[in-house]
Protein backbone atom coordinates (compact mmCIF):
# COMPACT_ATOMS: atom_id res chain seq x y z
CA UNK A 1 42.75 6.90 -29.81
CA UNK A 2 39.69 7.43 -27.63
CA UNK A 3 37.84 4.32 -26.42
CA UNK A 4 34.18 3.72 -27.31
CA UNK A 5 33.18 4.62 -23.76
CA UNK A 6 35.02 7.94 -23.94
CA UNK A 7 32.69 8.91 -26.80
CA UNK A 8 30.07 9.54 -24.15
CA UNK A 9 32.01 12.44 -22.71
CA UNK A 10 33.00 13.78 -26.15
CA UNK A 11 29.48 13.77 -27.56
CA UNK A 12 27.60 14.83 -24.45
CA UNK A 13 28.67 18.45 -23.87
CA UNK A 14 28.49 19.33 -27.56
CA UNK A 15 25.07 17.86 -28.27
CA UNK A 16 23.40 18.97 -25.05
CA UNK A 17 24.13 22.63 -25.77
CA UNK A 18 22.37 22.38 -29.12
CA UNK A 19 19.53 20.05 -28.03
CA UNK A 20 16.65 22.47 -28.66
CA UNK A 21 17.57 23.31 -32.21
CA UNK A 22 18.42 19.71 -32.96
CA UNK A 23 14.90 18.62 -31.98
CA UNK A 24 13.42 20.78 -34.73
CA UNK A 25 16.13 19.87 -37.23
CA UNK A 26 15.70 16.16 -36.53
CA UNK A 27 11.95 16.39 -37.03
CA UNK A 28 12.30 18.34 -40.26
CA UNK A 29 15.04 16.22 -41.83
CA UNK A 30 14.07 12.85 -40.36
CA UNK A 31 17.59 12.39 -39.01
CA UNK A 32 18.53 10.45 -35.86
CA UNK A 33 20.74 12.66 -33.69
CA UNK A 34 23.02 10.67 -31.40
CA UNK A 35 23.34 12.04 -27.85
CA UNK A 36 25.41 9.39 -26.08
CA UNK A 37 26.94 5.96 -26.56
CA UNK A 38 27.88 3.34 -23.98
CA UNK A 39 29.49 0.27 -25.52
CA UNK A 40 26.87 -1.01 -28.00
CA UNK A 41 23.99 1.04 -26.57
CA UNK A 42 23.02 4.35 -28.16
CA UNK A 43 20.76 7.15 -27.03
CA UNK A 44 19.11 9.25 -29.74
CA UNK A 45 17.47 12.63 -29.39
CA UNK A 46 14.16 11.23 -30.65
CA UNK A 47 13.89 9.10 -27.49
CA UNK A 48 13.42 12.31 -25.47
CA UNK A 49 10.43 13.42 -27.54
CA UNK A 50 7.70 14.82 -25.31
CA UNK A 51 9.92 15.26 -22.27
CA UNK A 52 10.54 18.97 -22.73
CA UNK A 53 7.57 21.30 -22.11
CA UNK A 54 6.71 23.64 -24.98
CA UNK A 55 7.13 26.67 -22.72
CA UNK A 56 10.63 25.63 -21.59
CA UNK A 57 13.49 28.04 -22.25
CA UNK A 58 16.68 26.96 -23.99
CA UNK A 59 18.40 26.80 -20.62
CA UNK A 60 15.62 24.68 -19.11
CA UNK A 61 15.63 22.36 -22.12
CA UNK A 62 19.37 21.91 -21.90
CA UNK A 63 19.11 21.10 -18.19
CA UNK A 64 16.37 18.50 -18.79
CA UNK A 65 18.26 16.80 -21.61
CA UNK A 66 21.52 16.88 -19.68
CA UNK A 67 19.92 15.26 -16.62
CA UNK A 68 18.29 12.54 -18.73
CA UNK A 69 21.50 11.71 -20.55
CA UNK A 70 23.41 11.50 -17.26
CA UNK A 71 20.85 9.07 -15.84
CA UNK A 72 20.84 7.03 -19.04
CA UNK A 73 24.64 6.71 -18.99
CA UNK A 74 24.72 5.45 -15.41
CA UNK A 75 21.86 3.02 -16.06
CA UNK A 76 23.50 1.69 -19.23
CA UNK A 77 26.86 1.24 -17.53
CA UNK A 78 25.24 -0.64 -14.66
CA UNK A 79 23.32 -2.87 -17.09
CA UNK A 80 26.47 -3.61 -19.08
CA UNK A 81 28.34 -4.55 -15.92
CA UNK A 82 25.41 -6.67 -14.69
CA UNK A 83 25.19 -8.59 -17.97
CA UNK A 84 28.84 -9.56 -17.64
CA UNK A 85 28.14 -11.09 -14.23
CA UNK A 86 25.13 -13.20 -15.27
CA UNK A 87 25.82 -16.93 -14.74
CA UNK A 88 26.10 -18.82 -18.00
CA UNK A 89 23.45 -21.30 -16.93
CA UNK A 90 20.88 -18.57 -16.24
CA UNK A 91 18.17 -18.64 -18.90
CA UNK A 92 17.08 -15.00 -19.14
CA UNK A 93 14.56 -15.64 -21.91
CA UNK A 94 12.82 -18.27 -19.83
CA UNK A 95 12.71 -15.94 -16.82
CA UNK A 96 11.21 -13.19 -18.98
CA UNK A 97 8.57 -15.59 -20.33
CA UNK A 98 7.70 -16.75 -16.83
CA UNK A 99 7.48 -13.18 -15.57
CA UNK A 100 5.29 -12.12 -18.48
CA UNK A 101 3.05 -15.15 -17.93
CA UNK A 102 2.76 -14.26 -14.26
CA UNK A 103 1.81 -10.65 -15.03
CA UNK A 104 -0.78 -11.65 -17.64
CA UNK A 105 -2.31 -14.27 -15.34
CA UNK A 106 -2.42 -11.88 -12.39
CA UNK A 107 -4.10 -9.18 -14.48
CA UNK A 108 -6.66 -11.66 -15.82
CA UNK A 109 -7.43 -13.08 -12.38
CA UNK A 110 -7.80 -9.59 -10.95
CA UNK A 111 -10.30 -8.79 -13.68
CA UNK A 112 -12.24 -11.99 -12.93
CA UNK A 113 -12.38 -11.14 -9.23
CA UNK A 114 -13.60 -7.61 -9.90
CA UNK A 115 -16.28 -8.80 -12.31
CA UNK A 116 -17.54 -11.96 -10.63
CA UNK A 117 -16.77 -11.94 -6.90
CA UNK A 118 -19.36 -10.64 -4.48
CA UNK A 119 -17.54 -8.42 -1.98
CA UNK A 120 -20.49 -8.05 0.39
CA UNK A 121 -20.20 -9.93 3.70
CA UNK A 122 -23.32 -10.52 5.78
CA UNK A 123 -23.39 -10.31 9.58
CA UNK A 124 -24.34 -13.97 9.68
CA UNK A 125 -21.29 -14.95 7.63
CA UNK A 126 -19.05 -12.90 9.90
CA UNK A 127 -20.57 -14.48 13.01
CA UNK A 128 -20.20 -17.99 11.59
CA UNK A 129 -16.57 -17.31 10.70
CA UNK A 130 -15.92 -15.91 14.19
CA UNK A 131 -17.50 -18.89 15.94
CA UNK A 132 -15.35 -21.31 13.97
CA UNK A 133 -12.09 -19.36 14.17
CA UNK A 134 -12.16 -17.27 17.33
CA UNK A 135 -9.35 -19.30 18.92
CA UNK A 136 -7.03 -17.78 16.32
CA UNK A 137 -7.68 -14.30 17.67
CA UNK A 138 -6.12 -14.42 21.09
CA UNK A 139 -5.12 -10.94 22.20
CA UNK A 140 -1.44 -10.07 22.47
CA UNK A 141 -2.24 -6.91 24.47
CA UNK A 142 -5.29 -5.70 26.44
CA UNK A 143 -8.05 -3.77 24.71
CA UNK A 144 -10.69 -1.45 26.08
CA UNK A 145 -14.04 0.17 25.32
CA UNK A 146 -13.89 3.72 26.62
CA UNK A 147 -14.66 7.41 26.25
CA UNK A 148 -11.92 10.01 26.11
CA UNK A 149 -11.74 13.79 25.75
CA UNK A 150 -8.73 16.09 25.51
CA UNK A 151 -9.71 19.76 25.63
CA UNK A 152 -7.64 22.96 26.08
CA UNK A 153 -7.83 24.58 29.51
CA UNK A 154 -8.81 27.78 27.68
CA UNK A 155 -11.96 26.21 26.20
CA UNK A 156 -15.22 27.84 27.40
CA UNK A 157 -17.68 26.30 29.86
CA UNK A 158 -15.40 23.60 31.26
CA UNK A 159 -17.76 23.25 34.24
CA UNK A 160 -20.62 22.47 31.84
CA UNK A 161 -18.35 20.00 30.04
CA UNK A 162 -17.80 18.08 33.28
CA UNK A 163 -21.56 17.99 33.89
CA UNK A 164 -22.26 16.71 30.40
CA UNK A 165 -19.50 14.14 30.82
CA UNK A 166 -21.22 12.67 33.88
CA UNK A 167 -24.68 12.59 32.31
CA UNK A 168 -26.18 9.49 30.69
CA UNK A 169 -29.11 11.21 28.99
CA UNK A 170 -29.24 11.12 25.20
CA UNK A 171 -29.77 14.91 24.81
CA UNK A 172 -26.74 15.58 27.03
CA UNK A 173 -24.64 13.11 25.05
CA UNK A 174 -25.60 14.91 21.84
CA UNK A 175 -24.65 18.24 23.44
CA UNK A 176 -21.35 16.74 24.61
CA UNK A 177 -20.57 15.54 21.07
CA UNK A 178 -21.33 19.00 19.67
CA UNK A 179 -19.08 20.61 22.31
CA UNK A 180 -16.20 18.23 21.47
CA UNK A 181 -16.57 18.83 17.76
CA UNK A 182 -16.12 22.54 18.44
CA UNK A 183 -13.51 22.71 21.21
CA UNK A 184 -11.77 19.37 21.83
CA UNK A 185 -8.33 18.56 20.45
CA UNK A 186 -9.17 14.84 20.51
CA UNK A 187 -12.15 12.79 21.62
CA UNK A 188 -13.55 9.25 21.50
CA UNK A 189 -17.22 9.04 22.41
CA UNK A 190 -18.38 5.76 20.88
CA UNK A 191 -19.29 3.12 23.47
CA UNK A 192 -19.00 0.19 21.05
CA UNK A 193 -15.51 0.60 19.56
CA UNK A 194 -12.56 -1.33 21.00
CA UNK A 195 -9.09 0.24 21.28
CA UNK A 196 -5.70 -1.08 22.24
CA UNK A 197 -4.80 0.17 25.71
CA UNK A 198 -1.42 1.35 24.44
CA UNK A 199 -3.14 3.55 21.82
CA UNK A 200 -5.27 5.22 24.51
CA UNK A 201 -2.27 5.55 26.84
CA UNK A 202 -0.43 7.52 24.15
CA UNK A 203 -3.23 10.10 24.11
CA UNK A 204 -3.03 10.72 27.86
CA UNK A 205 -0.18 12.22 29.92
CA UNK A 206 2.66 9.73 30.23
CA UNK A 207 2.04 7.06 32.85
CA UNK A 208 -1.59 7.94 33.43
CA UNK A 209 -2.70 4.48 32.34
CA UNK A 210 -0.79 1.34 31.44
CA UNK A 211 -1.67 -2.24 30.64
CA UNK A 212 -0.95 -3.04 34.30
CA UNK A 213 -2.92 -0.30 36.05
CA UNK A 214 -5.90 0.27 33.77
CA UNK A 215 -8.09 -2.17 35.72
CA UNK A 216 -7.87 0.20 38.72
CA UNK A 217 -8.20 3.43 36.72
CA UNK A 218 -11.63 3.26 35.16
CA UNK A 219 -12.57 6.91 35.72
CA UNK A 220 -9.89 9.58 35.39
CA UNK A 221 -9.84 13.37 35.23
CA UNK A 222 -6.39 14.89 34.71
CA UNK A 223 -5.36 18.52 34.40
CA UNK A 224 -1.86 18.82 33.00
CA UNK A 225 -0.06 21.61 31.22
CA UNK A 226 -2.55 23.29 28.90
CA UNK A 227 -5.12 20.49 28.67
CA UNK A 228 -7.91 18.82 30.59
CA UNK A 229 -8.24 15.04 30.08
CA UNK A 230 -11.39 13.03 30.76
CA UNK A 231 -11.26 9.24 30.55
CA UNK A 232 -13.78 6.51 31.36
CA UNK A 233 -13.58 2.72 30.90
CA UNK A 234 -16.62 0.60 30.07
CA UNK A 235 -14.99 -2.79 29.54
CA UNK A 236 -11.52 -4.35 29.46
CA UNK A 237 -10.39 -7.57 27.80
CA UNK A 238 -6.98 -8.70 28.93
CA UNK A 239 -4.05 -10.19 27.07
CA UNK A 240 -4.41 -13.86 26.01
CA UNK A 241 -8.20 -13.64 26.07
CA UNK A 242 -10.21 -14.02 22.87
CA UNK A 243 -10.78 -10.76 21.00
CA UNK A 244 -14.42 -9.79 20.40
CA UNK A 245 -15.73 -9.88 16.84
CA UNK A 246 -16.05 -6.09 16.77
CA UNK A 247 -12.29 -5.76 17.33
CA UNK A 248 -11.21 -8.22 14.62
CA UNK A 249 -14.01 -7.60 12.12
CA UNK A 250 -11.74 -5.98 9.52
CA UNK A 251 -9.24 -8.84 9.75
CA UNK A 252 -12.01 -11.43 9.54
CA UNK A 253 -13.52 -9.71 6.51
CA UNK A 254 -10.19 -9.77 4.67
CA UNK A 255 -9.79 -13.49 5.38
CA UNK A 256 -13.34 -14.23 4.19
CA UNK A 257 -12.81 -12.29 0.97
CA UNK A 258 -9.43 -13.92 0.37
CA UNK A 259 -10.96 -17.39 0.75
CA UNK A 260 -13.81 -16.39 -1.52
CA UNK A 261 -11.30 -15.17 -4.11
CA UNK A 262 -9.30 -18.42 -3.98
CA UNK A 263 -12.46 -20.47 -4.34
CA UNK A 264 -13.65 -18.38 -7.29
CA UNK A 265 -10.33 -18.73 -9.16
CA UNK A 266 -10.06 -22.45 -8.48
CA UNK A 267 -13.61 -22.98 -9.73
CA UNK A 268 -12.92 -20.90 -12.83
CA UNK A 269 -9.82 -22.96 -13.63
CA UNK A 270 -11.79 -26.20 -13.27
CA UNK A 271 -14.67 -24.90 -15.39
CA UNK A 272 -12.24 -23.73 -18.06
CA UNK A 273 -10.49 -27.11 -18.02
CA UNK A 274 -13.74 -29.06 -18.44
CA UNK A 275 -14.96 -26.68 -21.13
CA UNK A 276 -11.82 -26.87 -23.26
CA UNK A 277 -11.50 -30.63 -22.83
CA UNK A 278 -15.03 -31.08 -24.18
CA UNK A 279 -14.17 -28.90 -27.17
CA UNK A 280 -11.09 -31.04 -27.87
CA UNK A 281 -8.85 -28.01 -27.54
CA UNK A 282 -6.63 -29.97 -25.17
CA UNK A 283 -4.64 -32.98 -26.26
CA UNK A 284 -2.71 -35.24 -23.90
CA UNK A 285 -0.27 -37.69 -25.45
CA UNK A 286 0.78 -41.02 -23.92
CA UNK A 287 4.11 -40.92 -22.12
CA UNK A 288 6.46 -43.82 -21.69
CA UNK A 289 9.30 -43.74 -19.20
CA UNK A 290 11.57 -45.15 -21.88
CA UNK A 291 11.01 -41.97 -23.91
CA UNK A 292 12.90 -39.98 -21.32
CA UNK A 293 16.08 -41.77 -22.33
CA UNK A 294 16.09 -40.03 -25.70
């Protein structure tokens, strides 16, 4: 006599082949067509409603249903096996309640933050934060302000590029930017942005600059393979020194907003507590240590 689990393999091939027609028949007659059974779990055809596109062929529909049933069987078997291994002292219902409470609270707090928290951070607030916390931002690796261009050797007017590169005039810098936008593979032309030395080193031919030699390599022109590389250093801050605000601004902003969020939620909880206490919606009953003996 076949076991209950073996019913899965008896029912599956028969019902899958007739899945498309059964959908219509089930809808018309209001019947529940059983597709598979694993122990006390059952999968009905109605649970697959909406999964099969209207334009699907019979073959496509059969493939979709077959794949779903196979996944369902494996999932159900795993769940059945897992439930047998659950410790007897594990309170699943309590865990579910706690998890639901956590999800509801998180969603509510997220809504409060979106509605009530100001996400704008002023320069003054950033500067104040930096002055008070800059010791926390000691560099683990050197950083640099620099310009960098990588351009193909086949690009036009390379001689003009070198001239523009050496010029400090604003019109020439604008022309240089336009040239790089058109011909360069990569370029960094902002004088105010800080970069990790290792990130710049990865853009240049291997070994051109390192954390150890960059102090002595402040102006470099390298022709290698199919590219011309131009590199210039404006300022270096070494490892273990304090990072400038411009380098850690994003990190600082995240910390400021996180603190602001915590403060907002704590204040909301206190306001809610005071409000509900005044309305007598909270009742606290006297507790005696002797009561714990009962």
